[in-house]
Amino acid sequence: MRMKYDREGDVLDILIRDGQIHHAEDHGQVIINYDDENRVVEDRGTRCEQGFRKHSSGGPQGSKKKVIGIVNVDACT
């Protein structure tokens, strides 16, 4: 799985698996792309910056890791 966020376009692409896109379902600000066997290939969310800001936080207490963003599909719909 690979994720890419385009800040300028405010688009989050989540590539689930490599493959040719056969068809897509448009759910407003979320588009789900499927292969010819109806398996999810890619999810695309638009206008997700608000969701990033709302759900971003520091890591667990005492942790040096920091969470930079959690995608909430509800924030993208």
N, C-alpha and C. Protein backbone atom coordinates (compact mmCIF):
# COMPACT_ATOMS: atom_id res chain seq x y z
N MET A 1 0.86 -1.16 0.00
CA MET A 1 0.00 0.00 0.00
C MET A 1 0.91 1.23 0.00
N ARG A 2 0.53 2.20 -0.83
CA ARG A 2 1.26 3.46 -0.89
C ARG A 2 0.26 4.60 -0.78
N MET A 3 0.68 5.64 -0.08
CA MET A 3 -0.18 6.82 0.05
C MET A 3 0.59 8.04 -0.44
N LYS A 4 -0.15 8.94 -1.07
CA LYS A 4 0.45 10.18 -1.56
C LYS A 4 -0.56 11.30 -1.36
N TYR A 5 -0.10 12.38 -0.73
CA TYR A 5 -0.98 13.53 -0.53
C TYR A 5 -0.45 14.69 -1.35
N ASP A 6 -1.29 15.24 -2.20
CA ASP A 6 -0.97 16.42 -3.01
C ASP A 6 -1.58 17.63 -2.31
N ARG A 7 -0.73 18.39 -1.62
CA ARG A 7 -1.20 19.53 -0.84
C ARG A 7 -1.84 20.60 -1.75
N GLU A 8 -1.25 20.84 -2.90
CA GLU A 8 -1.78 21.88 -3.79
C GLU A 8 -3.19 21.54 -4.26
N GLY A 9 -3.41 20.30 -4.65
CA GLY A 9 -4.72 19.88 -5.11
C GLY A 9 -5.61 19.38 -3.99
N ASP A 10 -5.05 19.23 -2.79
CA ASP A 10 -5.74 18.70 -1.61
C ASP A 10 -6.40 17.35 -1.93
N VAL A 11 -5.57 16.45 -2.48
CA VAL A 11 -6.02 15.12 -2.90
C VAL A 11 -5.14 14.07 -2.23
N LEU A 12 -5.77 13.08 -1.63
CA LEU A 12 -5.08 11.96 -1.03
C LEU A 12 -5.34 10.73 -1.89
N ASP A 13 -4.27 10.13 -2.41
CA ASP A 13 -4.37 8.88 -3.18
C ASP A 13 -3.82 7.76 -2.33
N ILE A 14 -4.58 6.68 -2.19
CA ILE A 14 -4.14 5.49 -1.48
C ILE A 14 -4.16 4.35 -2.48
N LEU A 15 -2.97 3.91 -2.88
CA LEU A 15 -2.85 2.79 -3.82
C LEU A 15 -2.83 1.51 -3.00
N ILE A 16 -3.87 0.70 -3.16
CA ILE A 16 -4.01 -0.54 -2.40
C ILE A 16 -3.19 -1.66 -3.05
N ARG A 17 -3.28 -1.76 -4.36
CA ARG A 17 -2.53 -2.79 -5.10
C ARG A 17 -2.28 -2.28 -6.51
N ASP A 18 -1.23 -2.79 -7.12
CA ASP A 18 -0.96 -2.46 -8.52
C ASP A 18 -1.98 -3.17 -9.39
N GLY A 19 -2.41 -2.50 -10.43
CA GLY A 19 -3.36 -3.11 -11.35
C GLY A 19 -4.02 -2.06 -12.21
N GLN A 20 -4.64 -2.52 -13.26
CA GLN A 20 -5.37 -1.65 -14.16
C GLN A 20 -6.72 -1.29 -13.56
N ILE A 21 -7.10 -0.05 -13.68
CA ILE A 21 -8.42 0.38 -13.21
C ILE A 21 -9.45 0.03 -14.27
N HIS A 22 -10.44 -0.73 -13.87
CA HIS A 22 -11.50 -1.15 -14.78
C HIS A 22 -12.72 -0.24 -14.67
N HIS A 23 -13.09 0.10 -13.44
CA HIS A 23 -14.22 1.00 -13.23
C HIS A 23 -14.06 1.70 -11.89
N ALA A 24 -14.85 2.73 -11.69
CA ALA A 24 -14.77 3.54 -10.47
C ALA A 24 -16.16 3.83 -9.94
N GLU A 25 -16.21 4.04 -8.63
CA GLU A 25 -17.44 4.50 -7.99
C GLU A 25 -17.15 5.86 -7.39
N ASP A 26 -18.00 6.82 -7.69
CA ASP A 26 -17.83 8.18 -7.20
C ASP A 26 -18.77 8.39 -6.02
N HIS A 27 -18.19 8.66 -4.86
CA HIS A 27 -18.97 8.90 -3.65
C HIS A 27 -18.76 10.33 -3.19
N GLY A 28 -18.94 11.27 -4.09
CA GLY A 28 -18.73 12.68 -3.75
C GLY A 28 -17.25 12.99 -3.73
N GLN A 29 -16.70 13.20 -2.55
CA GLN A 29 -15.29 13.56 -2.44
C GLN A 29 -14.38 12.34 -2.30
N VAL A 30 -14.94 11.14 -2.38
CA VAL A 30 -14.15 9.91 -2.35
C VAL A 30 -14.48 9.12 -3.61
N ILE A 31 -13.42 8.74 -4.33
CA ILE A 31 -13.57 7.92 -5.53
C ILE A 31 -12.83 6.62 -5.28
N ILE A 32 -13.51 5.50 -5.52
CA ILE A 32 -12.91 4.18 -5.33
C ILE A 32 -12.76 3.54 -6.70
N ASN A 33 -11.52 3.16 -7.04
CA ASN A 33 -11.22 2.53 -8.32
C ASN A 33 -11.05 1.03 -8.14
N TYR A 34 -11.65 0.26 -9.03
CA TYR A 34 -11.66 -1.20 -8.97
C TYR A 34 -11.00 -1.80 -10.20
N ASP A 35 -10.47 -3.03 -10.04
CA ASP A 35 -9.95 -3.76 -11.19
C ASP A 35 -11.07 -4.58 -11.83
N ASP A 36 -10.74 -5.37 -12.83
CA ASP A 36 -11.77 -6.13 -13.55
C ASP A 36 -12.35 -7.28 -12.73
N GLU A 37 -11.74 -7.59 -11.57
CA GLU A 37 -12.28 -8.62 -10.67
C GLU A 37 -12.99 -7.98 -9.48
N ASN A 38 -13.28 -6.69 -9.59
CA ASN A 38 -14.01 -5.92 -8.58
C ASN A 38 -13.24 -5.79 -7.26
N ARG A 39 -11.90 -5.83 -7.34
CA ARG A 39 -11.06 -5.60 -6.16
C ARG A 39 -10.64 -4.13 -6.14
N VAL A 40 -10.55 -3.56 -4.94
CA VAL A 40 -10.15 -2.16 -4.83
C VAL A 40 -8.68 -2.02 -5.22
N VAL A 41 -8.41 -1.10 -6.15
CA VAL A 41 -7.05 -0.80 -6.58
C VAL A 41 -6.57 0.48 -5.91
N GLU A 42 -7.44 1.49 -5.86
CA GLU A 42 -7.04 2.80 -5.36
C GLU A 42 -8.24 3.54 -4.79
N ASP A 43 -7.98 4.29 -3.72
CA ASP A 43 -8.97 5.22 -3.16
C ASP A 43 -8.42 6.61 -3.35
N ARG A 44 -9.29 7.54 -3.66
CA ARG A 44 -8.88 8.94 -3.83
C ARG A 44 -9.85 9.81 -3.05
N GLY A 45 -9.31 10.58 -2.14
CA GLY A 45 -10.12 11.52 -1.36
C GLY A 45 -9.73 12.94 -1.71
N THR A 46 -10.70 13.81 -1.84
CA THR A 46 -10.43 15.21 -2.14
C THR A 46 -10.88 16.08 -0.98
N ARG A 47 -10.30 17.24 -0.91
CA ARG A 47 -10.60 18.23 0.15
C ARG A 47 -10.49 17.62 1.53
N CYS A 48 -9.35 16.98 1.80
CA CYS A 48 -9.14 16.26 3.06
C CYS A 48 -8.31 17.04 4.07
N GLU A 49 -7.84 18.22 3.72
CA GLU A 49 -6.97 18.95 4.65
C GLU A 49 -7.64 19.17 6.00
N GLN A 50 -8.91 19.47 6.01
CA GLN A 50 -9.63 19.66 7.26
C GLN A 50 -9.58 18.38 8.10
N GLY A 51 -9.72 17.24 7.46
CA GLY A 51 -9.65 15.97 8.17
C GLY A 51 -8.26 15.72 8.74
N PHE A 52 -7.19 16.10 8.00
CA PHE A 52 -5.84 15.96 8.51
C PHE A 52 -5.66 16.81 9.77
N ARG A 53 -6.08 18.05 9.70
CA ARG A 53 -5.89 18.95 10.83
C ARG A 53 -6.69 18.50 12.04
N LYS A 54 -7.92 18.06 11.80
CA LYS A 54 -8.80 17.65 12.89
C LYS A 54 -8.27 16.44 13.63
N HIS A 55 -7.62 15.51 12.90
CA HIS A 55 -7.23 14.24 13.49
C HIS A 55 -5.73 14.10 13.70
N SER A 56 -4.94 15.15 13.46
CA SER A 56 -3.51 15.09 13.70
C SER A 56 -3.23 15.36 15.17
N SER A 57 -2.23 14.67 15.68
CA SER A 57 -1.87 14.87 17.08
C SER A 57 -0.45 14.38 17.28
N GLY A 58 0.06 14.57 18.46
CA GLY A 58 1.36 14.01 18.81
C GLY A 58 1.22 12.52 19.02
N GLY A 59 2.35 11.85 19.14
CA GLY A 59 2.35 10.40 19.37
C GLY A 59 1.99 10.09 20.81
N PRO A 60 2.04 8.81 21.17
CA PRO A 60 1.74 8.41 22.55
C PRO A 60 2.67 9.14 23.52
N GLN A 61 2.20 9.37 24.72
CA GLN A 61 2.97 10.09 25.72
C GLN A 61 4.32 9.43 25.91
N GLY A 62 5.39 10.23 25.87
CA GLY A 62 6.75 9.71 26.03
C GLY A 62 7.34 9.17 24.74
N SER A 63 6.57 9.12 23.67
CA SER A 63 7.04 8.60 22.41
C SER A 63 7.73 9.71 21.62
N LYS A 64 8.78 9.34 20.89
CA LYS A 64 9.45 10.31 20.02
C LYS A 64 8.78 10.36 18.65
N LYS A 65 7.87 9.44 18.40
CA LYS A 65 7.16 9.42 17.12
C LYS A 65 6.03 10.42 17.15
N LYS A 66 5.69 10.93 15.99
CA LYS A 66 4.58 11.87 15.89
C LYS A 66 3.66 11.42 14.77
N VAL A 67 2.38 11.41 15.04
CA VAL A 67 1.39 11.09 14.03
C VAL A 67 1.20 12.33 13.17
N ILE A 68 1.42 12.21 11.86
CA ILE A 68 1.28 13.39 11.01
C ILE A 68 -0.09 13.50 10.39
N GLY A 69 -0.86 12.45 10.42
CA GLY A 69 -2.20 12.55 9.86
C GLY A 69 -2.91 11.22 9.89
N ILE A 70 -4.17 11.28 10.17
CA ILE A 70 -5.03 10.10 10.13
C ILE A 70 -6.20 10.47 9.22
N VAL A 71 -6.44 9.65 8.24
CA VAL A 71 -7.50 9.94 7.29
C VAL A 71 -8.82 9.41 7.83
N ASN A 72 -9.75 10.29 7.96
CA ASN A 72 -11.10 9.93 8.37
C ASN A 72 -11.98 10.08 7.14
N VAL A 73 -12.48 8.98 6.62
CA VAL A 73 -13.26 9.04 5.39
C VAL A 73 -14.47 9.98 5.55
N ASP A 74 -15.04 10.04 6.75
CA ASP A 74 -16.17 10.94 6.98
C ASP A 74 -15.79 12.38 6.73
N ALA A 75 -14.52 12.74 6.99
CA ALA A 75 -14.07 14.12 6.78
C ALA A 75 -13.92 14.42 5.31
N CYS A 76 -13.84 13.38 4.48
CA CYS A 76 -13.64 13.57 3.05
C CYS A 76 -14.95 13.43 2.26
N THR A 77 -16.04 13.21 2.94
CA THR A 77 -17.30 13.02 2.22
C THR A 77 -18.24 14.17 2.45
